[in-house]
C-alpha atoms as a PDB file:
ATOM      1  CA  MET A   1     -70.237 135.643  71.093  1.00  0.00           C
ATOM      2  CA  ILE A   2     -71.165 132.202  72.442  1.00  0.00           C
ATOM      3  CA  ALA A   3     -72.703 131.314  69.093  1.00  0.00           C
ATOM      4  CA  ILE A   4     -69.509 132.355  67.281  1.00  0.00           C
ATOM      5  CA  ILE A   5     -67.347 130.281  69.611  1.00  0.00           C
ATOM      6  CA  ALA A   6     -69.628 127.294  69.138  1.00  0.00           C
ATOM      7  CA  LEU A   7     -69.400 127.695  65.379  1.00  0.00           C
ATOM      8  CA  LEU A   8     -65.614 127.919  65.472  1.00  0.00           C
ATOM      9  CA  MET A   9     -65.436 124.823  67.656  1.00  0.00           C
ATOM     10  CA  ALA A  10     -67.656 122.934  65.226  1.00  0.00           C
ATOM     11  CA  ILE A  11     -65.297 123.872  62.419  1.00  0.00           C
ATOM     12  CA  LEU A  12     -62.055 123.203  64.273  1.00  0.00           C
ATOM     13  CA  MET A  13     -62.859 119.963  66.102  1.00  0.00           C
ATOM     14  CA  PRO A  14     -62.960 117.714  63.002  1.00  0.00           C
ATOM     15  CA  ALA A  15     -59.672 119.203  61.799  1.00  0.00           C
ATOM     16  CA  LEU A  16     -58.081 118.645  65.223  1.00  0.00           C
ATOM     17  CA  SER A  17     -59.361 115.078  65.280  1.00  0.00           C
ATOM     18  CA  ARG A  18     -57.860 114.386  61.852  1.00  0.00           C
ATOM     19  CA  ALA A  19     -54.549 115.919  62.902  1.00  0.00           C
ATOM     20  CA  LYS A  20     -54.466 113.762  66.025  1.00  0.00           C
ATOM     21  CA  LYS A  21     -55.110 110.594  64.026  1.00  0.00           C
ATOM     22  CA  GLN A  22     -52.446 111.562  61.500  1.00  0.00           C
ATOM     23  CA  ALA A  23     -49.933 112.099  64.301  1.00  0.00           C
ATOM     24  CA  LYS A  24     -50.740 108.638  65.691  1.00  0.00           C
ATOM     25  CA  ALA A  25     -50.311 107.092  62.247  1.00  0.00           C
ATOM     26  CA  VAL A  26     -46.860 108.680  61.977  1.00  0.00           C
ATOM     27  CA  ALA A  27     -45.960 107.395  65.456  1.00  0.00           C
ATOM     28  CA  CYS A  28     -47.169 103.951  64.418  1.00  0.00           C
ATOM     29  CA  GLN A  29     -44.827 103.989  61.436  1.00  0.00           C
ATOM     30  CA  ALA A  30     -41.963 105.022  63.712  1.00  0.00           C
ATOM     31  CA  ASN A  31     -42.715 102.005  65.934  1.00  0.00           C
ATOM     32  CA  LEU A  32     -42.700  99.675  62.947  1.00  0.00           C
ATOM     33  CA  LYS A  33     -39.416 101.135  61.739  1.00  0.00           C
ATOM     34  CA  GLN A  34     -37.919 100.073  65.077  1.00  0.00           C
ATOM     35  CA  TRP A  35     -39.437  96.608  64.685  1.00  0.00           C
ATOM     36  CA  GLY A  36     -37.755  96.259  61.321  1.00  0.00           C
ATOM     37  CA  GLN A  37     -34.416  97.037  62.944  1.00  0.00           C
ATOM     38  CA  ILE A  38     -35.146  94.581  65.776  1.00  0.00           C
ATOM     39  CA  PHE A  39     -35.810  91.737  63.336  1.00  0.00           C
ATOM     40  CA  LEU A  40     -32.684  92.636  61.379  1.00  0.00           C
ATOM     41  CA  LEU A  41     -30.531  92.653  64.524  1.00  0.00           C
ATOM     42  CA  TYR A  42     -31.878  89.246  65.479  1.00  0.00           C
ATOM     43  CA  CYS A  43     -31.023  87.842  62.055  1.00  0.00           C
ATOM     44  CA  GLN A  44     -27.542  89.324  62.155  1.00  0.00           C
ATOM     45  CA  ASP A  45     -26.958  87.508  65.460  1.00  0.00           C
ATOM     46  CA  ASN A  46     -28.426  84.215  64.202  1.00  0.00           C
ATOM     47  CA  ASP A  47     -26.633  83.381  60.969  1.00  0.00           C
ATOM     48  CA  GLY A  48     -29.020  85.492  58.920  1.00  0.00           C
ATOM     49  CA  TYR A  49     -32.196  83.620  59.886  1.00  0.00           C
ATOM     50  CA  PHE A  50     -35.491  84.571  61.453  1.00  0.00           C
ATOM     51  CA  PRO A  51     -36.684  82.792  64.632  1.00  0.00           C
ATOM     52  CA  THR A  52     -37.621  79.142  64.368  1.00  0.00           C
ATOM     53  CA  ALA A  53     -41.330  78.335  64.232  1.00  0.00           C
ATOM     54  CA  GLY A  54     -43.102  75.949  66.561  1.00  0.00           C
ATOM     55  CA  SER A  55     -41.188  76.179  69.845  1.00  0.00           C
ATOM     56  CA  VAL A  56     -43.569  78.066  72.149  1.00  0.00           C
ATOM     57  CA  GLY A  57     -46.998  76.615  71.397  1.00  0.00           C
ATOM     58  CA  TRP A  58     -48.552  79.527  69.516  1.00  0.00           C
ATOM     59  CA  VAL A  59     -46.709  80.014  66.281  1.00  0.00           C
ATOM     60  CA  ARG A  60     -48.363  83.275  65.329  1.00  0.00           C
ATOM     61  CA  GLY A  61     -46.662  84.847  68.346  1.00  0.00           C
ATOM     62  CA  GLU A  62     -43.315  83.132  67.869  1.00  0.00           C
ATOM     63  CA  TRP A  63     -41.567  86.479  67.423  1.00  0.00           C
ATOM     64  CA  ILE A  64     -42.190  87.882  70.889  1.00  0.00           C
ATOM     65  CA  ILE A  65     -39.837  85.645  72.910  1.00  0.00           C
ATOM     66  CA  PRO A  66     -36.662  85.525  70.770  1.00  0.00           C
ATOM     67  CA  LEU A  67     -36.914  89.291  70.211  1.00  0.00           C
ATOM     68  CA  ARG A  68     -37.715  90.128  73.834  1.00  0.00           C
ATOM     69  CA  SER A  69     -34.278  91.439  74.755  1.00  0.00           C
ATOM     70  CA  HIS A  70     -34.641  94.074  72.030  1.00  0.00           C
ATOM     71  CA  TRP A  71     -38.093  95.415  72.950  1.00  0.00           C
ATOM     72  CA  GLU A  72     -38.606  94.587  76.642  1.00  0.00           C
ATOM     73  CA  THR A  73     -37.419  97.963  77.925  1.00  0.00           C
ATOM     74  CA  LYS A  74     -39.662  99.692  75.368  1.00  0.00           C
ATOM     75  CA  THR A  75     -42.978  97.867  75.783  1.00  0.00           C
ATOM     76  CA  ASP A  76     -44.876 100.679  74.052  1.00  0.00           C
ATOM     77  CA  LEU A  77     -43.469  99.222  70.846  1.00  0.00           C
ATOM     78  CA  LEU A  78     -45.973  96.374  71.167  1.00  0.00           C
ATOM     79  CA  LYS A  79     -48.912  98.706  70.600  1.00  0.00           C
ATOM     80  CA  CYS A  80     -50.019 100.936  67.772  1.00  0.00           C
ATOM     81  CA  PRO A  81     -50.947 104.390  69.185  1.00  0.00           C
ATOM     82  CA  MET A  82     -54.427 103.864  67.719  1.00  0.00           C
ATOM     83  CA  ALA A  83     -54.899 100.578  69.606  1.00  0.00           C
ATOM     84  CA  ARG A  84     -53.520 100.681  73.130  1.00  0.00           C
ATOM     85  CA  LYS A  85     -56.344  99.298  75.307  1.00  0.00           C
ATOM     86  CA  ARG A  86     -58.300  96.063  75.745  1.00  0.00           C
ATOM     87  CA  LEU A  87     -61.947  95.665  74.843  1.00  0.00           C
ATOM     88  CA  LEU A  88     -64.357  95.637  77.764  1.00  0.00           C
ATOM     89  CA  ASN A  89     -65.277  91.983  77.323  1.00  0.00           C
ATOM     90  CA  MET A  90     -61.565  91.085  77.518  1.00  0.00           C
ATOM     91  CA  GLN A  91     -61.571  88.274  74.962  1.00  0.00           C
ATOM     92  CA  GLU A  92     -58.184  86.986  73.875  1.00  0.00           C
ATOM     93  CA  TRP A  93     -58.188  88.598  70.435  1.00  0.00           C
ATOM     94  CA  GLY A  94     -58.220  92.313  69.666  1.00  0.00           C
ATOM     95  CA  SER A  95     -60.012  94.515  67.158  1.00  0.00           C
ATOM     96  CA  THR A  96     -59.382  97.535  64.961  1.00  0.00           C
ATOM     97  CA  PHE A  97     -58.735  99.870  67.898  1.00  0.00           C
ATOM     98  CA  SER A  98     -57.941  97.472  70.756  1.00  0.00           C
ATOM     99  CA  THR A  99     -55.145  95.141  71.818  1.00  0.00           C
ATOM    100  CA  TYR A 100     -55.027  91.354  71.924  1.00  0.00           C
ATOM    101  CA  ILE A 101     -53.489  89.088  74.578  1.00  0.00           C
ATOM    102  CA  MET A 102     -50.360  87.271  73.498  1.00  0.00           C
ATOM    103  CA  GLY A 103     -51.099  84.303  75.760  1.00  0.00           C
ATOM    104  CA  THR A 104     -49.187  82.169  78.233  1.00  0.00           C
ATOM    105  CA  ASP A 105     -46.478  80.182  76.490  1.00  0.00           C
ATOM    106  CA  ASN A 106     -44.553  77.158  77.702  1.00  0.00           C
ATOM    107  CA  LEU A 107     -41.541  79.266  78.662  1.00  0.00           C
ATOM    108  CA  THR A 108     -42.982  82.127  80.717  1.00  0.00           C
ATOM    109  CA  ASN A 109     -46.211  83.130  82.419  1.00  0.00           C
ATOM    110  CA  ARG A 110     -46.288  86.574  80.863  1.00  0.00           C
ATOM    111  CA  GLN A 111     -49.331  87.761  78.961  1.00  0.00           C
ATOM    112  CA  GLU A 112     -48.323  90.802  76.952  1.00  0.00           C
ATOM    113  CA  GLU A 113     -50.859  93.017  75.224  1.00  0.00           C
ATOM    114  CA  ALA A 114     -50.105  94.019  71.661  1.00  0.00           C
ATOM    115  CA  SER A 115     -51.701  95.424  68.530  1.00  0.00           C
ATOM    116  CA  TYR A 116     -48.961  94.524  66.055  1.00  0.00           C
ATOM    117  CA  GLY A 117     -48.306  91.099  64.585  1.00  0.00           C
ATOM    118  CA  GLY A 118     -46.062  89.287  62.159  1.00  0.00           C
ATOM    119  CA  ASN A 119     -46.183  87.615  58.783  1.00  0.00           C
ATOM    120  CA  ASN A 120     -46.097  83.906  59.673  1.00  0.00           C
ATOM    121  CA  TRP A 121     -44.333  83.085  56.416  1.00  0.00           C
ATOM    122  CA  ILE A 122     -41.038  84.597  57.595  1.00  0.00           C
ATOM    123  CA  PHE A 123     -40.064  81.986  60.183  1.00  0.00           C
ATOM    124  CA  ASN A 124     -37.239  79.505  59.843  1.00  0.00           C
ATOM    125  CA  SER A 125     -38.129  75.799  60.086  1.00  0.00           C
ATOM    126  CA  ARG A 126     -36.981  73.192  62.517  1.00  0.00           C
ATOM    127  CA  SER A 127     -35.369  69.985  61.304  1.00  0.00           C
ATOM    128  CA  GLY A 128     -37.900  67.529  59.905  1.00  0.00           C
ATOM    129  CA  GLN A 129     -40.809  69.985  59.662  1.00  0.00           C
ATOM    130  CA  SER A 130     -42.586  70.147  56.327  1.00  0.00           C
ATOM    131  CA  GLU A 131     -45.464  72.375  57.400  1.00  0.00           C
ATOM    132  CA  ILE A 132     -47.019  74.027  60.397  1.00  0.00           C
ATOM    133  CA  GLN A 133     -50.693  74.836  60.876  1.00  0.00           C
ATOM    134  CA  GLY A 134     -51.350  73.812  57.292  1.00  0.00           C
ATOM    135  CA  ARG A 135     -48.731  76.131  55.830  1.00  0.00           C
ATOM    136  CA  PRO A 136     -45.948  74.478  53.746  1.00  0.00           C
ATOM    137  CA  PHE A 137     -42.544  75.468  55.098  1.00  0.00           C
ATOM    138  CA  LYS A 138     -41.079  75.424  51.614  1.00  0.00           C
ATOM    139  CA  TRP A 139     -42.950  78.698  51.020  1.00  0.00           C
ATOM    140  CA  ASN A 140     -41.364  80.421  54.053  1.00  0.00           C
ATOM    141  CA  TRP A 141     -38.804  83.164  53.546  1.00  0.00           C
ATOM    142  CA  LYS A 142     -36.632  82.104  56.536  1.00  0.00           C
ATOM    143  CA  THR A 143     -34.199  85.000  55.978  1.00  0.00           C
ATOM    144  CA  PRO A 144     -34.587  88.712  55.166  1.00  0.00           C
ATOM    145  CA  TYR A 145     -31.841  88.557  52.573  1.00  0.00           C
ATOM    146  CA  VAL A 146     -34.079  88.005  49.562  1.00  0.00           C
ATOM    147  CA  ARG A 147     -34.974  89.941  46.429  1.00  0.00           C
ATOM    148  CA  GLY A 148     -38.026  92.150  46.358  1.00  0.00           C
ATOM    149  CA  GLY A 149     -38.000  92.803  50.084  1.00  0.00           C
ATOM    150  CA  ASN A 150     -40.017  95.988  49.632  1.00  0.00           C
ATOM    151  CA  LYS A 151     -43.008  93.838  48.620  1.00  0.00           C
ATOM    152  CA  ILE A 152     -42.766  91.255  51.420  1.00  0.00           C
ATOM    153  CA  PRO A 153     -44.670  92.065  54.659  1.00  0.00           C
ATOM    154  CA  LEU A 154     -42.676  91.567  57.853  1.00  0.00           C
ATOM    155  CA  PHE A 155     -44.640  93.136  60.705  1.00  0.00           C
ATOM    156  CA  ALA A 156     -47.824  95.193  60.770  1.00  0.00           C
ATOM    157  CA  ASP A 157     -50.961  96.563  62.373  1.00  0.00           C
ATOM    158  CA  THR A 158     -53.070  93.549  63.396  1.00  0.00           C
ATOM    159  CA  MET A 159     -55.845  92.375  65.707  1.00  0.00           C
ATOM    160  CA  TRP A 160     -53.997  89.105  66.429  1.00  0.00           C
ATOM    161  CA  ARG A 161     -50.465  87.768  66.901  1.00  0.00           C
ATOM    162  CA  GLY A 162     -49.952  87.454  63.192  1.00  0.00           C
ATOM    163  CA  GLY A 163     -51.105  85.380  60.263  1.00  0.00           C
ATOM    164  CA  GLY A 164     -50.080  83.532  57.138  1.00  0.00           C
ATOM    165  CA  PRO A 165     -52.564  84.433  54.393  1.00  0.00           C
ATOM    166  CA  PHE A 166     -52.759  82.108  51.389  1.00  0.00           C
ATOM    167  CA  TYR A 167     -55.160  80.765  48.800  1.00  0.00           C
ATOM    168  CA  GLN A 168     -55.707  77.333  50.354  1.00  0.00           C
ATOM    169  CA  ASN A 169     -56.086  74.847  47.478  1.00  0.00           C
ATOM    170  CA  GLY A 170     -56.559  77.873  45.234  1.00  0.00           C
ATOM    171  CA  ASP A 171     -59.885  78.716  46.867  1.00  0.00           C
ATOM    172  CA  TYR A 172     -60.487  82.463  47.108  1.00  0.00           C
ATOM    173  CA  ARG A 173     -63.345  81.826  49.549  1.00  0.00           C
ATOM    174  CA  SER A 174     -61.271  79.909  52.110  1.00  0.00           C
ATOM    175  CA  ASP A 175     -60.931  81.331  55.612  1.00  0.00           C
ATOM    176  CA  ARG A 176     -57.196  81.735  55.032  1.00  0.00           C
ATOM    177  CA  ILE A 177     -57.649  84.472  52.421  1.00  0.00           C
ATOM    178  CA  LYS A 178     -61.161  85.936  52.393  1.00  0.00           C
ATOM    179  CA  PRO A 179     -61.854  89.484  53.649  1.00  0.00           C
ATOM    180  CA  PRO A 180     -63.867  90.204  56.802  1.00  0.00           C
ATOM    181  CA  GLN A 181     -67.573  90.878  56.473  1.00  0.00           C
ATOM    182  CA  TYR A 182     -67.231  93.924  58.710  1.00  0.00           C
ATOM    183  CA  ASP A 183     -64.397  95.951  60.183  1.00  0.00           C
ATOM    184  CA  GLY A 184     -62.766  94.180  63.122  1.00  0.00           C
ATOM    185  CA  GLN A 185     -64.498  90.847  62.519  1.00  0.00           C
ATOM    186  CA  TRP A 186     -63.063  87.950  64.469  1.00  0.00           C
ATOM    187  CA  ASN A 187     -63.943  84.738  62.650  1.00  0.00           C
ATOM    188  CA  ASN A 188     -61.408  82.215  63.917  1.00  0.00           C
ATOM    189  CA  TYR A 189     -57.690  81.769  64.383  1.00  0.00           C
ATOM    190  CA  ASN A 190     -57.254  80.497  60.821  1.00  0.00           C
ATOM    191  CA  SER A 191     -58.890  83.511  59.168  1.00  0.00           C
ATOM    192  CA  GLU A 192     -55.425  84.738  58.357  1.00  0.00           C
ATOM    193  CA  MET A 193     -56.056  87.808  56.207  1.00  0.00           C
ATOM    194  CA  MET A 194     -58.741  89.100  58.578  1.00  0.00           C
ATOM    195  CA  HIS A 195     -56.069  89.602  61.225  1.00  0.00           C
ATOM    196  CA  PHE A 196     -54.505  92.326  59.052  1.00  0.00           C
ATOM    197  CA  CYS A 197     -57.534  93.750  57.219  1.00  0.00           C
ATOM    198  CA  ILE A 198     -58.673  96.354  59.751  1.00  0.00           C
ATOM    199  CA  ASP A 199     -59.535 100.004  59.154  1.00  0.00           C
ATOM    200  CA  ARG A 200     -57.096 101.393  61.708  1.00  0.00           C
ATOM    201  CA  HIS A 201     -55.751 104.336  59.719  1.00  0.00           C
ATOM    202  CA  ASN A 202     -58.622 105.601  57.567  1.00  0.00           C
ATOM    203  CA  GLY A 203     -58.568 102.925  54.872  1.00  0.00           C
ATOM    204  CA  PHE A 204     -54.987 101.866  55.536  1.00  0.00           C
ATOM    205  CA  VAL A 205     -52.801  99.835  57.858  1.00  0.00           C
ATOM    206  CA  ASN A 206     -49.087 100.358  58.438  1.00  0.00           C
ATOM    207  CA  HIS A 207     -46.495  97.745  57.500  1.00  0.00           C
ATOM    208  CA  VAL A 208     -42.761  97.330  57.791  1.00  0.00           C
ATOM    209  CA  PHE A 209     -41.400  95.271  54.926  1.00  0.00           C
ATOM    210  CA  MET A 210     -38.544  92.809  54.636  1.00  0.00           C
ATOM    211  CA  ASP A 211     -36.145  95.560  53.521  1.00  0.00           C
ATOM    212  CA  CYS A 212     -37.086  97.611  56.630  1.00  0.00           C
ATOM    213  CA  THR A 213     -39.036 100.195  54.654  1.00  0.00           C
ATOM    214  CA  VAL A 214     -42.271 101.350  56.286  1.00  0.00           C
ATOM    215  CA  ARG A 215     -45.395 102.623  54.570  1.00  0.00           C
ATOM    216  CA  LYS A 216     -49.151 102.615  54.734  1.00  0.00           C
ATOM    217  CA  VAL A 217     -50.927  99.820  52.862  1.00  0.00           C
ATOM    218  CA  GLY A 218     -54.421 100.103  51.426  1.00  0.00           C
ATOM    219  CA  LEU A 219     -56.783  97.460  52.781  1.00  0.00           C
ATOM    220  CA  LYS A 220     -57.415  95.918  49.370  1.00  0.00           C
ATOM    221  CA  GLU A 221     -53.702  96.207  48.619  1.00  0.00           C
ATOM    222  CA  LEU A 222     -53.078  93.499  51.229  1.00  0.00           C
ATOM    223  CA  TRP A 223     -53.973  90.880  48.606  1.00  0.00           C
ATOM    224  CA  THR A 224     -51.244  92.145  46.255  1.00  0.00           C
ATOM    225  CA  LEU A 225     -48.361  91.794  48.741  1.00  0.00           C
ATOM    226  CA  LEU A 226     -45.918  88.905  48.459  1.00  0.00           C
ATOM    227  CA  TRP A 227     -46.751  87.115  51.716  1.00  0.00           C
ATOM    228  CA  HIS A 228     -44.856  83.915  50.851  1.00  0.00           C
ATOM    229  CA  LYS A 229     -42.669  82.634  48.009  1.00  0.00           C
ATOM    230  CA  GLU A 230     -45.594  81.263  45.994  1.00  0.00           C
ATOM    231  CA  PHE A 231     -48.286  83.800  46.891  1.00  0.00           C
ATOM    232  CA  ASP A 232     -50.472  84.747  43.927  1.00  0.00           C
ATOM    233  CA  ILE A 233     -50.233  88.540  43.838  1.00  0.00           C
ATOM    234  CA  ASN A 234     -52.697  88.491  40.932  1.00  0.00           C
ATOM    235  CA  GLY A 235     -55.170  86.249  42.703  1.00  0.00           C
ATOM    236  CA  PHE A 236     -58.927  86.629  42.783  1.00  0.00           C
ATOM    237  CA  TRP A 237     -58.988  89.484  45.307  1.00  0.00           C
ATOM    238  CA  THR A 238     -57.138  91.870  42.983  1.00  0.00           C
ATOM    239  CA  LYS A 239     -58.006  93.881  39.888  1.00  0.00           C
ATOM    240  CA  ALA A 240     -55.666  91.685  37.843  1.00  0.00           C
ATOM    241  CA  GLY A 241     -57.449  88.614  39.176  1.00  0.00           C
ATOM    242  CA  GLY A 242     -60.836  89.923  38.102  1.00  0.00           C
ATOM    243  CA  ALA A 243     -62.247  91.102  41.422  1.00  0.00           C
ATOM    244  CA  ASP A 244     -65.274  93.316  40.938  1.00  0.00           C
ATOM    245  CA  PRO A 245     -66.117  96.030  43.497  1.00  0.00           C
ATOM    246  CA  SER A 246     -69.328  94.124  44.224  1.00  0.00           C
ATOM    247  CA  ASP A 247     -67.302  91.043  45.257  1.00  0.00           C
ATOM    248  CA  TRP A 248     -66.023  92.834  48.345  1.00  0.00           C
ATOM    249  CA  PRO A 249     -67.974  93.060  51.610  1.00  0.00           C
ATOM    250  CA  GLU A 250     -70.033  96.231  51.642  1.00  0.00           C
ATOM    251  CA  TRP A 251     -67.878  98.058  54.185  1.00  0.00           C
ATOM    252  CA  MET A 252     -64.806  97.662  51.913  1.00  0.00           C
ATOM    253  CA  ARG A 253     -66.349  98.760  48.607  1.00  0.00           C
ATOM    254  CA  LYS A 254     -65.411 102.402  49.151  1.00  0.00           C
ATOM    255  CA  PHE A 255     -61.707 101.647  49.391  1.00  0.00           C
ATOM    256  CA  LYS A 256     -59.235 101.943  46.521  1.00  0.00           C
ATOM    257  CA  GLU A 257     -58.855  98.962  44.189  1.00  0.00           C
ATOM    258  CA  TYR A 258     -55.424  97.369  43.623  1.00  0.00           C
END
C-alpha cells in the first residue's frame, strides 16, 4: 500500500506543480490587465499623455509615483505571483523569481518591492529634453493613442524597474539589446533587454500592451515587439534578421524562434 501511495504521489506531484504555476501565470495576467487600466486612467486624467520622464531621479521607475493613487491600496499588484520575495543577499535588483527594490526617490522615502516594470519608451518628455539616459525622446510614444497598440509593450514581468531596449548605433551586441548569458543575469542598469528576458513562466513572460491587451510573450519574441517608434522588429535577434539558433546563449536555444 505504501509503495502504491508513493507511486501515485510521484505521478501526481509534477502535475500539481504545473497546475500551480499555470494558476500563478493566469493571476499574473490579471494583475497586468489592471495595470493597463491604471495607465489608461492616468492618461485620461492628463490630456492623453503618459507620465513625464526625469522628475524623480530614476527614470526606469518613473511610473510608480504618478500612478500611486491607483495602486497603493492594492500593493500586491506590484508583484508577479511567481516573484514575490527578495533574494537572500538583498541586492537592489531582482531576478527571475524574486523582487527588486524600487529605491528612495527625491519625493518620498518609500522603498517598494516589485517584480513588474515598464517600457521606458512610453514616457512623455519635459520641455527642452532631447534624450534621457541615451534614449532619443523623439522615439517615445508619449501617449497610448497610437496605431498598432497590440504590438507595443507597456508593462511586463521584469527583474528591474523597467527598460528601454534598442539597437544602439545599430549594434546587435550592445548592452542595450543583447540577451542574457544565463537566466536572471544582472549585467548592469543599461542592459535593457535583460531586464525583461527572464524565464518566469516556462519560456514566456507576461505583458500588457498599449491597447490594454494582455498575453504571454515568448522570450525570443521580445526582440520582435515594437518597443519604440523606430525599433527594428526585423533586427539581428530575429529570424527575419538572420539570427541562427547558435547565436543565442545556450540556455535560450531551446525556446521558440520568432
